[in-house]
Protein backbone atom coordinates (compact mmCIF):
# COMPACT_ATOMS: atom_id res chain seq x y z
CA MET A 1 -28.52 -22.20 -17.98
CA ALA A 2 -29.34 -18.24 -18.21
CA LEU A 3 -30.16 -18.65 -14.41
CA ASP A 4 -26.45 -19.99 -13.63
CA LEU A 5 -24.64 -17.24 -15.62
CA ILE A 6 -27.18 -14.35 -13.99
CA ALA A 7 -26.23 -16.19 -10.26
CA SER A 8 -22.10 -16.80 -11.17
CA VAL A 9 -22.49 -13.02 -12.09
CA LEU A 10 -24.55 -11.80 -9.17
CA PHE A 11 -22.02 -13.80 -6.90
CA SER A 12 -18.90 -12.52 -8.01
CA ILE A 13 -20.05 -8.84 -7.71
CA ILE A 14 -20.71 -9.65 -4.06
CA ASP A 15 -17.16 -11.53 -3.71
CA ILE A 16 -15.65 -8.35 -5.51
CA LEU A 17 -17.31 -5.89 -2.56
CA LYS A 18 -16.55 -8.36 0.07
CA GLY A 19 -13.16 -8.42 -0.68
CA ALA A 20 -12.83 -4.65 -0.99
CA LEU A 21 -14.19 -4.81 2.52
CA VAL A 22 -11.11 -6.98 3.61
CA VAL A 23 -8.71 -4.85 1.82
CA SER A 24 -10.26 -1.49 2.94
CA LEU A 25 -10.70 -1.63 6.68
CA PRO A 26 -6.40 -1.39 7.07
CA VAL A 27 -6.04 0.91 4.26
CA PHE A 28 -8.65 3.03 6.05
CA PHE A 29 -6.35 3.14 9.42
CA ILE A 30 -3.36 3.74 7.40
CA VAL A 31 -5.09 6.17 5.63
CA LEU A 32 -5.99 8.30 8.52
CA PHE A 33 -2.51 8.44 9.88
CA ALA A 34 -1.10 9.20 6.37
CA GLN A 35 -3.81 12.83 6.99
CA PHE A 36 -2.23 13.25 10.40
CA LEU A 37 1.29 12.86 8.99
CA ARG A 38 0.19 14.83 5.55
CA LYS A 39 -1.58 18.03 7.85
CA LYS A 40 2.14 17.89 9.79
CA ILE A 41 4.44 17.79 6.92
CA SER A 42 1.87 20.53 5.03
CA GLU A 43 2.25 22.95 8.16
CA GLU A 44 5.80 22.50 8.45
CA THR A 45 7.06 23.01 5.12
CA ASN A 46 3.99 24.95 3.22
CA TRP A 47 3.80 22.73 0.75
CA SER A 48 0.82 22.08 -1.88
CA TRP A 49 -1.83 19.46 -0.86
CA THR A 50 -0.15 17.28 -4.30
CA ILE A 51 3.47 17.51 -2.94
CA SER A 52 2.72 17.15 0.83
CA ALA A 53 0.62 13.73 -0.06
CA PHE A 54 2.82 12.79 -2.40
CA ALA A 55 5.61 13.28 0.60
CA THR A 56 3.34 10.94 2.84
CA THR A 57 2.78 8.29 0.76
CA PHE A 58 6.09 8.03 -0.15
CA LEU A 59 6.95 7.94 3.57
CA VAL A 60 4.01 5.41 4.41
CA LEU A 61 4.81 3.26 1.66
CA TYR A 62 8.66 2.90 2.58
CA PHE A 63 7.60 2.21 5.90
CA LEU A 64 5.66 -0.47 4.61
CA ILE A 65 7.81 -1.93 1.82
CA ALA A 66 10.91 -1.77 4.02
CA ILE A 67 8.96 -4.08 6.63
CA ALA A 68 7.38 -6.15 4.03
CA TYR A 69 11.61 -6.39 2.62
CA PHE A 70 13.24 -7.28 5.62
CA TYR A 71 10.64 -9.49 7.21
CA PRO A 72 11.54 -12.43 5.85
CA PHE A 73 14.93 -12.33 6.68
CA LEU A 74 13.99 -11.31 9.93
CA VAL A 75 11.95 -14.64 10.62
CA ALA A 76 14.46 -16.78 8.81
CA SER A 77 17.22 -15.38 11.00
CA GLN A 78 15.32 -16.16 14.21
CA GLU A 79 14.53 -19.92 12.80
CA MET A 80 17.89 -20.94 12.69
CA PRO A 81 18.60 -24.01 14.53
CA ILE A 82 21.79 -23.40 15.06
CA LYS A 83 22.46 -20.67 17.54
CA GLU A 84 26.42 -20.19 16.25
CA ILE A 85 26.83 -19.94 13.08
CA PRO A 86 30.36 -21.18 12.51
CA GLU A 87 33.51 -19.34 11.62
CA MET A 88 33.96 -20.48 8.02
CA PHE A 89 30.10 -19.88 7.04
CA ALA A 90 29.40 -17.06 9.42
CA PRO A 91 29.18 -14.00 6.59
CA GLU A 92 31.11 -10.58 7.15
CA ILE A 93 29.92 -7.77 8.98
CA GLY A 94 30.93 -5.96 6.14
CA SER A 95 28.44 -7.84 3.57
CA VAL A 96 25.58 -7.70 6.25
CA PHE A 97 26.24 -4.24 6.24
CA SER A 98 25.97 -3.58 2.35
CA ALA A 99 23.10 -6.00 1.82
CA PHE A 100 21.20 -3.74 4.31
CA ILE A 101 21.81 -0.93 2.42
CA PHE A 102 20.85 -2.18 -0.53
CA GLY A 103 17.90 -3.22 0.73
CA ALA A 104 16.89 0.12 1.78
CA ILE A 105 18.04 1.75 -1.40
CA ARG A 106 15.44 -0.91 -3.14
CA SER A 107 12.96 0.02 -0.65
CA GLY A 108 13.29 3.42 -1.52
CA PHE A 109 13.08 3.05 -5.26
CA ALA A 110 9.99 0.58 -5.10
CA ALA A 111 8.26 3.42 -2.73
CA LEU A 112 8.79 5.97 -5.36
CA ILE A 113 7.47 3.56 -8.25
CA ALA A 114 4.63 2.64 -5.80
CA SER A 115 3.83 6.10 -4.58
CA ILE A 116 3.64 7.60 -8.66
CA LEU A 117 1.17 4.34 -9.25
CA ILE A 118 -0.77 4.98 -5.95
CA MET A 119 -1.08 8.94 -6.86
CA PRO A 120 -4.26 8.55 -9.39
CA ALA A 121 -5.88 6.64 -6.54
CA GLU A 122 -5.40 9.28 -4.13
CA PHE A 123 -7.13 12.20 -6.52
CA VAL A 124 -10.13 9.68 -6.99
CA GLY A 125 -10.70 9.06 -3.32
CA LEU A 126 -10.38 13.17 -2.71
CA PHE A 127 -13.16 13.81 -5.19
CA ILE A 128 -15.26 11.18 -3.59
CA PHE A 129 -14.36 12.51 -0.74
CA GLU A 130 -15.10 16.00 -1.53
CA ALA A 131 -17.64 15.72 -4.47
CA VAL A 132 -19.91 12.98 -3.20
CA PHE A 133 -20.66 14.62 0.28
CA GLU A 134 -20.45 17.90 -0.95
CA LYS A 135 -24.15 18.83 0.49
CA LYS A 136 -23.89 16.60 3.20
CA GLU A 137 -21.93 18.70 5.83
CA LYS A 138 -23.62 16.61 9.04
CA LYS A 139 -21.06 13.53 8.16
CA GLN A 140 -18.19 13.04 10.12
CA LYS A 141 -14.94 13.38 8.66
CA TRP A 142 -13.95 9.84 9.58
CA MET A 143 -17.18 8.30 7.81
CA LYS A 144 -16.54 10.85 4.55
CA THR A 145 -12.88 8.89 4.72
CA ALA A 146 -14.13 5.73 4.90
CA VAL A 147 -16.81 5.59 2.21
CA ALA A 148 -14.08 7.55 0.37
CA VAL A 149 -11.47 4.34 0.93
CA TYR A 150 -14.01 1.73 0.46
CA SER A 151 -14.97 3.47 -3.19
CA THR A 152 -11.28 3.90 -4.23
CA THR A 153 -10.22 0.50 -3.17
CA LEU A 154 -13.17 -1.04 -4.80
CA LEU A 155 -12.34 0.47 -8.21
CA CYS A 156 -8.64 -0.23 -7.85
CA SER A 157 -9.36 -3.94 -7.36
CA VAL A 158 -11.64 -3.62 -10.24
CA VAL A 159 -9.00 -2.21 -12.34
CA LEU A 160 -6.07 -4.47 -10.95
CA ILE A 161 -7.81 -7.84 -11.27
CA PHE A 162 -9.56 -6.98 -14.87
CA VAL A 163 -6.89 -4.85 -16.18
CA ILE A 164 -3.63 -4.91 -15.67
CA PRO A 165 -3.60 -8.20 -13.18
CA GLU A 166 0.54 -8.60 -13.37
CA ALA A 167 0.87 -5.41 -11.81
CA LEU A 168 0.69 -6.77 -8.11
CA THR A 169 2.98 -9.63 -9.28
CA GLY A 170 5.56 -7.34 -10.96
CA PHE A 171 5.63 -4.97 -8.19
CA ILE A 172 6.44 -8.14 -5.62
CA TYR A 173 8.93 -9.31 -8.21
CA LEU A 174 10.55 -5.57 -8.65
CA LEU A 175 11.11 -5.38 -5.02
CA TYR A 176 12.41 -8.88 -4.19
CA PHE A 177 14.42 -9.16 -7.32
CA GLY A 178 14.19 -6.38 -9.22
CA LEU A 179 16.72 -3.29 -9.40
């Protein structure tokens, strides 16, 4: 009986470590791009790290959220079996344009909220990047970034799963149905 509990806990820990690895791989590549973009923004505007990181986070998230918001509409429009919509059922161009503008505003609002929520994770990642590898200068920057991204992803996964599991579904609701 006790061995079943220990095995269950052990396998749960292994599963969350594997899950964080799967999630951290795309996040790692996004972070590499965002580091480059933040450096460019910081050079152009002379903003502090915090402001340039927030602007970079907003831009990257706006792009990703806009893709997530408009992707179902684009796929659905391509899968219609009818090539031409009869005139009486066709939407007016003004309503299509206003739906696009409203979707862009909705994506911007969701990106702003997500940027505010992700900034503490960025601070944790920066802390791990700077403090943990402070004495090890030989490590390459991408290696330090990978470890910081994995650690931060693992921490955020634990928080999302065990502390606030409603956050992800709430954000999806906000994106598609809120506002």
